[in-house]
Amino acid sequence: MSKKGTEDMNNLNPAVKDSKRAKRIKASRKPQADHDTERWLRSIEHDLICRRAQEIFFERGSKQGQDLDNWLKAEAEVKRTLEETEEALKAHFTANNSDINGNN
């Protein structure tokens, strides 16, 4: 490419540069449905942690000043339970897919 052609490429209209950048950014993002699903799942996880922290608060005799400890304990329990559930579901679906595909 000639020197002039290279200069023309380097001096693109800012709107063109921005539109190309926007396309790259958009291509690198997850689809909106995935984003909405992740947000929804985080919301459910947060609600579960809140409820469990409240249960722990009452189990400990409603003692004040242990909010952070209650939250961290609840968070650990909920995340562990969700991870175990996810692993069980993966194993279940893997086993079922093997049966369906005849890979016993």
PDB file of N, CA and C in Angstrom:
ATOM      1  N   MET A   1       0.848  -1.165   0.000  1.00  0.00           N
ATOM      2  CA  MET A   1       0.000   0.000   0.000  1.00  0.00           C
ATOM      3  C   MET A   1       0.895   1.230   0.000  1.00  0.00           C
ATOM      4  N   SER A   2       0.482   2.229  -0.738  1.00  0.00           N
ATOM      5  CA  SER A   2       1.280   3.447  -0.837  1.00  0.00           C
ATOM      6  C   SER A   2       1.262   4.184   0.492  1.00  0.00           C
ATOM      7  N   LYS A   3       2.230   5.112   0.614  1.00  0.00           N
ATOM      8  CA  LYS A   3       2.313   5.909   1.826  1.00  0.00           C
ATOM      9  C   LYS A   3       1.032   6.710   2.012  1.00  0.00           C
ATOM     10  N   LYS A   4       0.472   7.220   0.906  1.00  0.00           N
ATOM     11  CA  LYS A   4      -0.753   7.997   0.977  1.00  0.00           C
ATOM     12  C   LYS A   4      -1.912   7.116   1.464  1.00  0.00           C
ATOM     13  N   GLY A   5      -1.965   5.894   0.963  1.00  0.00           N
ATOM     14  CA  GLY A   5      -3.031   4.977   1.379  1.00  0.00           C
ATOM     15  C   GLY A   5      -2.950   4.671   2.870  1.00  0.00           C
ATOM     16  N   THR A   6      -1.720   4.515   3.378  1.00  0.00           N
ATOM     17  CA  THR A   6      -1.536   4.257   4.802  1.00  0.00           C
ATOM     18  C   THR A   6      -1.965   5.453   5.615  1.00  0.00           C
ATOM     19  N   GLU A   7      -1.628   6.652   5.153  1.00  0.00           N
ATOM     20  CA  GLU A   7      -2.034   7.862   5.858  1.00  0.00           C
ATOM     21  C   GLU A   7      -3.553   7.961   5.889  1.00  0.00           C
ATOM     22  N   ASP A   8      -4.197   7.635   4.768  1.00  0.00           N
ATOM     23  CA  ASP A   8      -5.660   7.679   4.732  1.00  0.00           C
ATOM     24  C   ASP A   8      -6.254   6.719   5.762  1.00  0.00           C
ATOM     25  N   MET A   9      -5.652   5.537   5.917  1.00  0.00           N
ATOM     26  CA  MET A   9      -6.160   4.563   6.879  1.00  0.00           C
ATOM     27  C   MET A   9      -5.961   5.058   8.313  1.00  0.00           C
ATOM     28  N   ASN A  10      -4.839   5.733   8.548  1.00  0.00           N
ATOM     29  CA  ASN A  10      -4.552   6.217   9.893  1.00  0.00           C
ATOM     30  C   ASN A  10      -5.378   7.444  10.254  1.00  0.00           C
ATOM     31  N   ASN A  11      -5.883   8.146   9.261  1.00  0.00           N
ATOM     32  CA  ASN A  11      -6.649   9.358   9.509  1.00  0.00           C
ATOM     33  C   ASN A  11      -8.138   9.135   9.272  1.00  0.00           C
ATOM     34  N   LEU A  12      -8.619   7.982   9.640  1.00  0.00           N
ATOM     35  CA  LEU A  12     -10.032   7.707   9.454  1.00  0.00           C
ATOM     36  C   LEU A  12     -10.881   8.671  10.268  1.00  0.00           C
ATOM     37  N   ASN A  13     -12.038   8.906   9.789  1.00  0.00           N
ATOM     38  CA  ASN A  13     -13.007   9.719  10.499  1.00  0.00           C
ATOM     39  C   ASN A  13     -13.217   9.117  11.888  1.00  0.00           C
ATOM     40  N   PRO A  14     -13.205   9.933  12.965  1.00  0.00           N
ATOM     41  CA  PRO A  14     -13.401   9.400  14.317  1.00  0.00           C
ATOM     42  C   PRO A  14     -14.692   8.599  14.456  1.00  0.00           C
ATOM     43  N   ALA A  15     -15.725   8.981  13.743  1.00  0.00           N
ATOM     44  CA  ALA A  15     -16.984   8.241  13.823  1.00  0.00           C
ATOM     45  C   ALA A  15     -16.809   6.830  13.285  1.00  0.00           C
ATOM     46  N   VAL A  16     -15.998   6.704  12.229  1.00  0.00           N
ATOM     47  CA  VAL A  16     -15.735   5.382  11.659  1.00  0.00           C
ATOM     48  C   VAL A  16     -14.928   4.557  12.650  1.00  0.00           C
ATOM     49  N   LYS A  17     -13.887   5.189  13.252  1.00  0.00           N
ATOM     50  CA  LYS A  17     -13.088   4.481  14.255  1.00  0.00           C
ATOM     51  C   LYS A  17     -13.970   4.026  15.409  1.00  0.00           C
ATOM     52  N   ASP A  18     -14.846   4.920  15.891  1.00  0.00           N
ATOM     53  CA  ASP A  18     -15.727   4.573  16.999  1.00  0.00           C
ATOM     54  C   ASP A  18     -16.671   3.447  16.622  1.00  0.00           C
ATOM     55  N   SER A  19     -17.168   3.458  15.410  1.00  0.00           N
ATOM     56  CA  SER A  19     -18.095   2.399  15.013  1.00  0.00           C
ATOM     57  C   SER A  19     -17.371   1.060  14.930  1.00  0.00           C
ATOM     58  N   LYS A  20     -16.130   1.056  14.459  1.00  0.00           N
ATOM     59  CA  LYS A  20     -15.358  -0.184  14.418  1.00  0.00           C
ATOM     60  C   LYS A  20     -15.070  -0.673  15.825  1.00  0.00           C
ATOM     61  N   ARG A  21     -14.732   0.260  16.703  1.00  0.00           N
ATOM     62  CA  ARG A  21     -14.468  -0.096  18.096  1.00  0.00           C
ATOM     63  C   ARG A  21     -15.731  -0.657  18.735  1.00  0.00           C
ATOM     64  N   ALA A  22     -16.858  -0.033  18.479  1.00  0.00           N
ATOM     65  CA  ALA A  22     -18.126  -0.503  19.040  1.00  0.00           C
ATOM     66  C   ALA A  22     -18.432  -1.923  18.572  1.00  0.00           C
ATOM     67  N   LYS A  23     -18.149  -2.212  17.305  1.00  0.00           N
ATOM     68  CA  LYS A  23     -18.394  -3.561  16.790  1.00  0.00           C
ATOM     69  C   LYS A  23     -17.494  -4.582  17.489  1.00  0.00           C
ATOM     70  N   ARG A  24     -16.222  -4.230  17.728  1.00  0.00           N
ATOM     71  CA  ARG A  24     -15.313  -5.145  18.422  1.00  0.00           C
ATOM     72  C   ARG A  24     -15.790  -5.391  19.848  1.00  0.00           C
ATOM     73  N   ILE A  25     -16.202  -4.323  20.522  1.00  0.00           N
ATOM     74  CA  ILE A  25     -16.671  -4.454  21.899  1.00  0.00           C
ATOM     75  C   ILE A  25     -17.929  -5.310  21.933  1.00  0.00           C
ATOM     76  N   LYS A  26     -18.848  -5.032  21.033  1.00  0.00           N
ATOM     77  CA  LYS A  26     -20.101  -5.780  20.999  1.00  0.00           C
ATOM     78  C   LYS A  26     -19.838  -7.257  20.725  1.00  0.00           C
ATOM     79  N   ALA A  27     -18.907  -7.546  19.828  1.00  0.00           N
ATOM     80  CA  ALA A  27     -18.592  -8.931  19.495  1.00  0.00           C
ATOM     81  C   ALA A  27     -17.977  -9.657  20.681  1.00  0.00           C
ATOM     82  N   SER A  28     -17.282  -8.925  21.561  1.00  0.00           N
ATOM     83  CA  SER A  28     -16.629  -9.568  22.694  1.00  0.00           C
ATOM     84  C   SER A  28     -17.574  -9.761  23.876  1.00  0.00           C
ATOM     85  N   ARG A  29     -18.715  -9.121  23.863  1.00  0.00           N
ATOM     86  CA  ARG A  29     -19.675  -9.248  24.962  1.00  0.00           C
ATOM     87  C   ARG A  29     -20.505 -10.509  24.821  1.00  0.00           C
ATOM     88  N   LYS A  30     -21.015 -10.952  25.968  1.00  0.00           N
ATOM     89  CA  LYS A  30     -21.911 -12.092  25.955  1.00  0.00           C
ATOM     90  C   LYS A  30     -23.258 -11.631  25.408  1.00  0.00           C
ATOM     91  N   PRO A  31     -24.002 -12.545  24.833  1.00  0.00           N
ATOM     92  CA  PRO A  31     -25.339 -12.185  24.378  1.00  0.00           C
ATOM     93  C   PRO A  31     -26.178 -11.669  25.543  1.00  0.00           C
ATOM     94  N   GLN A  32     -27.133 -10.806  25.264  1.00  0.00           N
ATOM     95  CA  GLN A  32     -27.939 -10.180  26.298  1.00  0.00           C
ATOM     96  C   GLN A  32     -28.658 -11.222  27.151  1.00  0.00           C
ATOM     97  N   ALA A  33     -29.152 -12.284  26.526  1.00  0.00           N
ATOM     98  CA  ALA A  33     -29.867 -13.311  27.281  1.00  0.00           C
ATOM     99  C   ALA A  33     -28.960 -13.926  28.339  1.00  0.00           C
ATOM    100  N   ASP A  34     -27.694 -14.185  28.003  1.00  0.00           N
ATOM    101  CA  ASP A  34     -26.759 -14.739  28.970  1.00  0.00           C
ATOM    102  C   ASP A  34     -26.522 -13.757  30.107  1.00  0.00           C
ATOM    103  N   HIS A  35     -26.396 -12.488  29.774  1.00  0.00           N
ATOM    104  CA  HIS A  35     -26.184 -11.458  30.793  1.00  0.00           C
ATOM    105  C   HIS A  35     -27.375 -11.391  31.732  1.00  0.00           C
ATOM    106  N   ASP A  36     -28.581 -11.416  31.184  1.00  0.00           N
ATOM    107  CA  ASP A  36     -29.791 -11.372  32.002  1.00  0.00           C
ATOM    108  C   ASP A  36     -29.893 -12.603  32.891  1.00  0.00           C
ATOM    109  N   THR A  37     -29.538 -13.746  32.359  1.00  0.00           N
ATOM    110  CA  THR A  37     -29.588 -14.983  33.134  1.00  0.00           C
ATOM    111  C   THR A  37     -28.595 -14.929  34.283  1.00  0.00           C
ATOM    112  N   GLU A  38     -27.383 -14.453  34.017  1.00  0.00           N
ATOM    113  CA  GLU A  38     -26.374 -14.341  35.069  1.00  0.00           C
ATOM    114  C   GLU A  38     -26.834 -13.383  36.168  1.00  0.00           C
ATOM    115  N   ARG A  39     -27.415 -12.264  35.774  1.00  0.00           N
ATOM    116  CA  ARG A  39     -27.902 -11.289  36.743  1.00  0.00           C
ATOM    117  C   ARG A  39     -29.012 -11.909  37.598  1.00  0.00           C
ATOM    118  N   TRP A  40     -29.903 -12.662  36.956  1.00  0.00           N
ATOM    119  CA  TRP A  40     -31.003 -13.309  37.651  1.00  0.00           C
ATOM    120  C   TRP A  40     -30.466 -14.348  38.641  1.00  0.00           C
ATOM    121  N   LEU A  41     -29.473 -15.137  38.213  1.00  0.00           N
ATOM    122  CA  LEU A  41     -28.894 -16.142  39.091  1.00  0.00           C
ATOM    123  C   LEU A  41     -28.168 -15.506  40.275  1.00  0.00           C
ATOM    124  N   ARG A  42     -27.452 -14.410  40.037  1.00  0.00           N
ATOM    125  CA  ARG A  42     -26.780 -13.698  41.136  1.00  0.00           C
ATOM    126  C   ARG A  42     -27.801 -13.166  42.132  1.00  0.00           C
ATOM    127  N   SER A  43     -28.934 -12.707  41.617  1.00  0.00           N
ATOM    128  CA  SER A  43     -30.001 -12.200  42.483  1.00  0.00           C
ATOM    129  C   SER A  43     -30.553 -13.310  43.370  1.00  0.00           C
ATOM    130  N   ILE A  44     -30.764 -14.481  42.786  1.00  0.00           N
ATOM    131  CA  ILE A  44     -31.257 -15.621  43.561  1.00  0.00           C
ATOM    132  C   ILE A  44     -30.232 -16.028  44.610  1.00  0.00           C
ATOM    133  N   GLU A  45     -28.972 -16.083  44.204  1.00  0.00           N
ATOM    134  CA  GLU A  45     -27.909 -16.443  45.148  1.00  0.00           C
ATOM    135  C   GLU A  45     -27.876 -15.452  46.308  1.00  0.00           C
ATOM    136  N   HIS A  46     -27.990 -14.171  46.013  1.00  0.00           N
ATOM    137  CA  HIS A  46     -27.988 -13.141  47.049  1.00  0.00           C
ATOM    138  C   HIS A  46     -29.162 -13.340  48.002  1.00  0.00           C
ATOM    139  N   ASP A  47     -30.339 -13.622  47.464  1.00  0.00           N
ATOM    140  CA  ASP A  47     -31.515 -13.856  48.303  1.00  0.00           C
ATOM    141  C   ASP A  47     -31.322 -15.069  49.208  1.00  0.00           C
ATOM    142  N   LEU A  48     -30.747 -16.138  48.666  1.00  0.00           N
ATOM    143  CA  LEU A  48     -30.497 -17.333  49.467  1.00  0.00           C
ATOM    144  C   LEU A  48     -29.520 -17.032  50.612  1.00  0.00           C
ATOM    145  N   ILE A  49     -28.502 -16.252  50.308  1.00  0.00           N
ATOM    146  CA  ILE A  49     -27.520 -15.891  51.338  1.00  0.00           C
ATOM    147  C   ILE A  49     -28.181 -15.041  52.417  1.00  0.00           C
ATOM    148  N   CYS A  50     -29.005 -14.084  51.995  1.00  0.00           N
ATOM    149  CA  CYS A  50     -29.708 -13.231  52.967  1.00  0.00           C
ATOM    150  C   CYS A  50     -30.570 -14.073  53.902  1.00  0.00           C
ATOM    151  N   ARG A  51     -31.325 -14.989  53.320  1.00  0.00           N
ATOM    152  CA  ARG A  51     -32.205 -15.833  54.141  1.00  0.00           C
ATOM    153  C   ARG A  51     -31.406 -16.713  55.095  1.00  0.00           C
ATOM    154  N   ARG A  52     -30.325 -17.296  54.588  1.00  0.00           N
ATOM    155  CA  ARG A  52     -29.522 -18.163  55.442  1.00  0.00           C
ATOM    156  C   ARG A  52     -28.843 -17.359  56.544  1.00  0.00           C
ATOM    157  N   ALA A  53     -28.377 -16.157  56.249  1.00  0.00           N
ATOM    158  CA  ALA A  53     -27.752 -15.305  57.263  1.00  0.00           C
ATOM    159  C   ALA A  53     -28.761 -14.963  58.359  1.00  0.00           C
ATOM    160  N   GLN A  54     -29.991 -14.738  57.962  1.00  0.00           N
ATOM    161  CA  GLN A  54     -31.034 -14.447  58.946  1.00  0.00           C
ATOM    162  C   GLN A  54     -31.302 -15.679  59.820  1.00  0.00           C
ATOM    163  N   GLU A  55     -31.334 -16.856  59.206  1.00  0.00           N
ATOM    164  CA  GLU A  55     -31.514 -18.094  59.975  1.00  0.00           C
ATOM    165  C   GLU A  55     -30.389 -18.268  60.988  1.00  0.00           C
ATOM    166  N   ILE A  56     -29.163 -18.023  60.539  1.00  0.00           N
ATOM    167  CA  ILE A  56     -28.000 -18.154  61.428  1.00  0.00           C
ATOM    168  C   ILE A  56     -28.118 -17.156  62.573  1.00  0.00           C
ATOM    169  N   PHE A  57     -28.550 -15.946  62.280  1.00  0.00           N
ATOM    170  CA  PHE A  57     -28.754 -14.911  63.302  1.00  0.00           C
ATOM    171  C   PHE A  57     -29.694 -15.423  64.385  1.00  0.00           C
ATOM    172  N   PHE A  58     -30.813 -16.011  63.969  1.00  0.00           N
ATOM    173  CA  PHE A  58     -31.778 -16.522  64.938  1.00  0.00           C
ATOM    174  C   PHE A  58     -31.258 -17.759  65.663  1.00  0.00           C
ATOM    175  N   GLU A  59     -30.529 -18.617  64.937  1.00  0.00           N
ATOM    176  CA  GLU A  59     -29.945 -19.813  65.566  1.00  0.00           C
ATOM    177  C   GLU A  59     -28.949 -19.435  66.648  1.00  0.00           C
ATOM    178  N   ARG A  60     -28.274 -18.321  66.476  1.00  0.00           N
ATOM    179  CA  ARG A  60     -27.273 -17.861  67.451  1.00  0.00           C
ATOM    180  C   ARG A  60     -27.906 -17.011  68.549  1.00  0.00           C
ATOM    181  N   GLY A  61     -29.209 -17.037  68.637  1.00  0.00           N
ATOM    182  CA  GLY A  61     -29.884 -16.312  69.710  1.00  0.00           C
ATOM    183  C   GLY A  61     -30.074 -14.833  69.444  1.00  0.00           C
ATOM    184  N   SER A  62     -30.106 -14.446  68.202  1.00  0.00           N
ATOM    185  CA  SER A  62     -30.333 -13.047  67.798  1.00  0.00           C
ATOM    186  C   SER A  62     -29.328 -12.091  68.424  1.00  0.00           C
ATOM    187  N   LYS A  63     -28.090 -12.545  68.552  1.00  0.00           N
ATOM    188  CA  LYS A  63     -27.044 -11.699  69.128  1.00  0.00           C
ATOM    189  C   LYS A  63     -26.625 -10.637  68.120  1.00  0.00           C
ATOM    190  N   GLN A  64     -26.587  -9.398  68.579  1.00  0.00           N
ATOM    191  CA  GLN A  64     -26.183  -8.284  67.733  1.00  0.00           C
ATOM    192  C   GLN A  64     -24.662  -8.281  67.566  1.00  0.00           C
ATOM    193  N   GLY A  65     -24.199  -7.657  66.469  1.00  0.00           N
ATOM    194  CA  GLY A  65     -22.766  -7.472  66.254  1.00  0.00           C
ATOM    195  C   GLY A  65     -22.076  -8.598  65.520  1.00  0.00           C
ATOM    196  N   GLN A  66     -22.839  -9.583  65.039  1.00  0.00           N
ATOM    197  CA  GLN A  66     -22.222 -10.692  64.324  1.00  0.00           C
ATOM    198  C   GLN A  66     -22.681 -10.736  62.870  1.00  0.00           C
ATOM    199  N   ASP A  67     -23.097  -9.592  62.359  1.00  0.00           N
ATOM    200  CA  ASP A  67     -23.648  -9.534  60.998  1.00  0.00           C
ATOM    201  C   ASP A  67     -22.675 -10.084  59.958  1.00  0.00           C
ATOM    202  N   LEU A  68     -21.438  -9.633  60.011  1.00  0.00           N
ATOM    203  CA  LEU A  68     -20.456 -10.072  59.017  1.00  0.00           C
ATOM    204  C   LEU A  68     -20.187 -11.564  59.134  1.00  0.00           C
ATOM    205  N   ASP A  69     -20.019 -12.047  60.363  1.00  0.00           N
ATOM    206  CA  ASP A  69     -19.790 -13.478  60.560  1.00  0.00           C
ATOM    207  C   ASP A  69     -20.973 -14.294  60.037  1.00  0.00           C
ATOM    208  N   ASN A  70     -22.184 -13.841  60.338  1.00  0.00           N
ATOM    209  CA  ASN A  70     -23.379 -14.539  59.854  1.00  0.00           C
ATOM    210  C   ASN A  70     -23.412 -14.563  58.333  1.00  0.00           C
ATOM    211  N   TRP A  71     -23.093 -13.422  57.727  1.00  0.00           N
ATOM    212  CA  TRP A  71     -23.128 -13.321  56.264  1.00  0.00           C
ATOM    213  C   TRP A  71     -22.084 -14.235  55.629  1.00  0.00           C
ATOM    214  N   LEU A  72     -20.867 -14.204  56.138  1.00  0.00           N
ATOM    215  CA  LEU A  72     -19.795 -15.015  55.564  1.00  0.00           C
ATOM    216  C   LEU A  72     -20.080 -16.506  55.711  1.00  0.00           C
ATOM    217  N   LYS A  73     -20.615 -16.900  56.851  1.00  0.00           N
ATOM    218  CA  LYS A  73     -20.978 -18.306  57.061  1.00  0.00           C
ATOM    219  C   LYS A  73     -22.087 -18.707  56.092  1.00  0.00           C
ATOM    220  N   ALA A  74     -23.100 -17.851  55.961  1.00  0.00           N
ATOM    221  CA  ALA A  74     -24.212 -18.133  55.043  1.00  0.00           C
ATOM    222  C   ALA A  74     -23.718 -18.201  53.606  1.00  0.00           C
ATOM    223  N   GLU A  75     -22.853 -17.274  53.225  1.00  0.00           N
ATOM    224  CA  GLU A  75     -22.328 -17.241  51.865  1.00  0.00           C
ATOM    225  C   GLU A  75     -21.563 -18.526  51.550  1.00  0.00           C
ATOM    226  N   ALA A  76     -20.732 -18.959  52.464  1.00  0.00           N
ATOM    227  CA  ALA A  76     -19.954 -20.179  52.253  1.00  0.00           C
ATOM    228  C   ALA A  76     -20.876 -21.395  52.112  1.00  0.00           C
ATOM    229  N   GLU A  77     -21.886 -21.481  52.974  1.00  0.00           N
ATOM    230  CA  GLU A  77     -22.817 -22.608  52.920  1.00  0.00           C
ATOM    231  C   GLU A  77     -23.596 -22.625  51.613  1.00  0.00           C
ATOM    232  N   VAL A  78     -24.121 -21.467  51.223  1.00  0.00           N
ATOM    233  CA  VAL A  78     -24.934 -21.391  50.002  1.00  0.00           C
ATOM    234  C   VAL A  78     -24.085 -21.704  48.776  1.00  0.00           C
ATOM    235  N   LYS A  79     -22.896 -21.130  48.692  1.00  0.00           N
ATOM    236  CA  LYS A  79     -22.041 -21.387  47.528  1.00  0.00           C
ATOM    237  C   LYS A  79     -21.643 -22.856  47.446  1.00  0.00           C
ATOM    238  N   ARG A  80     -21.339 -23.461  48.598  1.00  0.00           N
ATOM    239  CA  ARG A  80     -20.990 -24.879  48.609  1.00  0.00           C
ATOM    240  C   ARG A  80     -22.188 -25.723  48.132  1.00  0.00           C
ATOM    241  N   THR A  81     -23.369 -25.403  48.614  1.00  0.00           N
ATOM    242  CA  THR A  81     -24.563 -26.141  48.211  1.00  0.00           C
ATOM    243  C   THR A  81     -24.834 -25.979  46.722  1.00  0.00           C
ATOM    244  N   LEU A  82     -24.678 -24.766  46.209  1.00  0.00           N
ATOM    245  CA  LEU A  82     -24.897 -24.534  44.776  1.00  0.00           C
ATOM    246  C   LEU A  82     -23.875 -25.283  43.932  1.00  0.00           C
ATOM    247  N   GLU A  83     -22.630 -25.298  44.362  1.00  0.00           N
ATOM    248  CA  GLU A  83     -21.592 -26.032  43.628  1.00  0.00           C
ATOM    249  C   GLU A  83     -21.882 -27.531  43.627  1.00  0.00           C
ATOM    250  N   GLU A  84     -22.296 -28.067  44.780  1.00  0.00           N
ATOM    251  CA  GLU A  84     -22.623 -29.495  44.864  1.00  0.00           C
ATOM    252  C   GLU A  84     -23.813 -29.823  43.964  1.00  0.00           C
ATOM    253  N   THR A  85     -24.795 -28.943  43.958  1.00  0.00           N
ATOM    254  CA  THR A  85     -25.975 -29.152  43.114  1.00  0.00           C
ATOM    255  C   THR A  85     -25.594 -29.112  41.641  1.00  0.00           C
ATOM    256  N   GLU A  86     -24.743 -28.165  41.278  1.00  0.00           N
ATOM    257  CA  GLU A  86     -24.299 -28.067  39.886  1.00  0.00           C
ATOM    258  C   GLU A  86     -23.558 -29.330  39.460  1.00  0.00           C
ATOM    259  N   GLU A  87     -22.678 -29.829  40.321  1.00  0.00           N
ATOM    260  CA  GLU A  87     -21.932 -31.053  40.002  1.00  0.00           C
ATOM    261  C   GLU A  87     -22.875 -32.244  39.857  1.00  0.00           C
ATOM    262  N   ALA A  88     -23.870 -32.342  40.744  1.00  0.00           N
ATOM    263  CA  ALA A  88     -24.827 -33.446  40.672  1.00  0.00           C
ATOM    264  C   ALA A  88     -25.635 -33.373  39.381  1.00  0.00           C
ATOM    265  N   LEU A  89     -26.043 -32.161  38.994  1.00  0.00           N
ATOM    266  CA  LEU A  89     -26.797 -31.998  37.751  1.00  0.00           C
ATOM    267  C   LEU A  89     -25.951 -32.350  36.538  1.00  0.00           C
ATOM    268  N   LYS A  90     -24.695 -31.925  36.539  1.00  0.00           N
ATOM    269  CA  LYS A  90     -23.801 -32.262  35.428  1.00  0.00           C
ATOM    270  C   LYS A  90     -23.645 -33.772  35.308  1.00  0.00           C
ATOM    271  N   ALA A  91     -23.440 -34.430  36.446  1.00  0.00           N
ATOM    272  CA  ALA A  91     -23.277 -35.889  36.432  1.00  0.00           C
ATOM    273  C   ALA A  91     -24.559 -36.555  35.935  1.00  0.00           C
ATOM    274  N   HIS A  92     -25.685 -36.060  36.378  1.00  0.00           N
ATOM    275  CA  HIS A  92     -26.972 -36.625  35.964  1.00  0.00           C
ATOM    276  C   HIS A  92     -27.164 -36.491  34.456  1.00  0.00           C
ATOM    277  N   PHE A  93     -26.925 -35.287  33.928  1.00  0.00           N
ATOM    278  CA  PHE A  93     -27.137 -35.070  32.496  1.00  0.00           C
ATOM    279  C   PHE A  93     -26.089 -35.795  31.651  1.00  0.00           C
ATOM    280  N   THR A  94     -24.881 -35.902  32.159  1.00  0.00           N
ATOM    281  CA  THR A  94     -23.853 -36.649  31.432  1.00  0.00           C
ATOM    282  C   THR A  94     -24.255 -38.118  31.346  1.00  0.00           C
ATOM    283  N   ALA A  95     -24.741 -38.669  32.452  1.00  0.00           N
ATOM    284  CA  ALA A  95     -25.171 -40.071  32.473  1.00  0.00           C
ATOM    285  C   ALA A  95     -26.352 -40.275  31.536  1.00  0.00           C
ATOM    286  N   ASN A  96     -27.322 -39.368  31.565  1.00  0.00           N
ATOM    287  CA  ASN A  96     -28.498 -39.496  30.709  1.00  0.00           C
ATOM    288  C   ASN A  96     -28.125 -39.357  29.235  1.00  0.00           C
ATOM    289  N   ASN A  97     -27.212 -38.463  28.907  1.00  0.00           N
ATOM    290  CA  ASN A  97     -26.789 -38.297  27.516  1.00  0.00           C
ATOM    291  C   ASN A  97     -26.050 -39.530  27.034  1.00  0.00           C
ATOM    292  N   SER A  98     -25.290 -40.172  27.906  1.00  0.00           N
ATOM    293  CA  SER A  98     -24.599 -41.401  27.530  1.00  0.00           C
ATOM    294  C   SER A  98     -25.605 -42.497  27.226  1.00  0.00           C
ATOM    295  N   ASP A  99     -26.672 -42.591  28.035  1.00  0.00           N
ATOM    296  CA  ASP A  99     -27.707 -43.595  27.808  1.00  0.00           C
ATOM    297  C   ASP A  99     -28.427 -43.336  26.496  1.00  0.00           C
ATOM    298  N   ILE A 100     -28.735 -42.086  26.234  1.00  0.00           N
ATOM    299  CA  ILE A 100     -29.462 -41.727  25.002  1.00  0.00           C
ATOM    300  C   ILE A 100     -28.613 -42.026  23.771  1.00  0.00           C
ATOM    301  N   ASN A 101     -27.330 -41.712  23.844  1.00  0.00           N
ATOM    302  CA  ASN A 101     -26.435 -41.914  22.701  1.00  0.00           C
ATOM    303  C   ASN A 101     -25.923 -43.349  22.605  1.00  0.00           C
ATOM    304  N   GLY A 102     -26.324 -44.204  23.526  1.00  0.00           N
ATOM    305  CA  GLY A 102     -25.905 -45.599  23.485  1.00  0.00           C
ATOM    306  C   GLY A 102     -24.485 -45.828  23.904  1.00  0.00           C
ATOM    307  N   ASN A 103     -23.935 -44.943  24.721  1.00  0.00           N
ATOM    308  CA  ASN A 103     -22.562 -45.068  25.189  1.00  0.00           C
ATOM    309  C   ASN A 103     -22.527 -45.631  26.594  1.00  0.00           C
ATOM    310  N   ASN A 104     -23.084 -46.790  26.803  1.00  0.00           N
ATOM    311  CA  ASN A 104     -23.132 -47.384  28.144  1.00  0.00           C
ATOM    312  C   ASN A 104     -21.805 -47.932  28.555  1.00  0.00           C
TER     313      ASN A 104
END
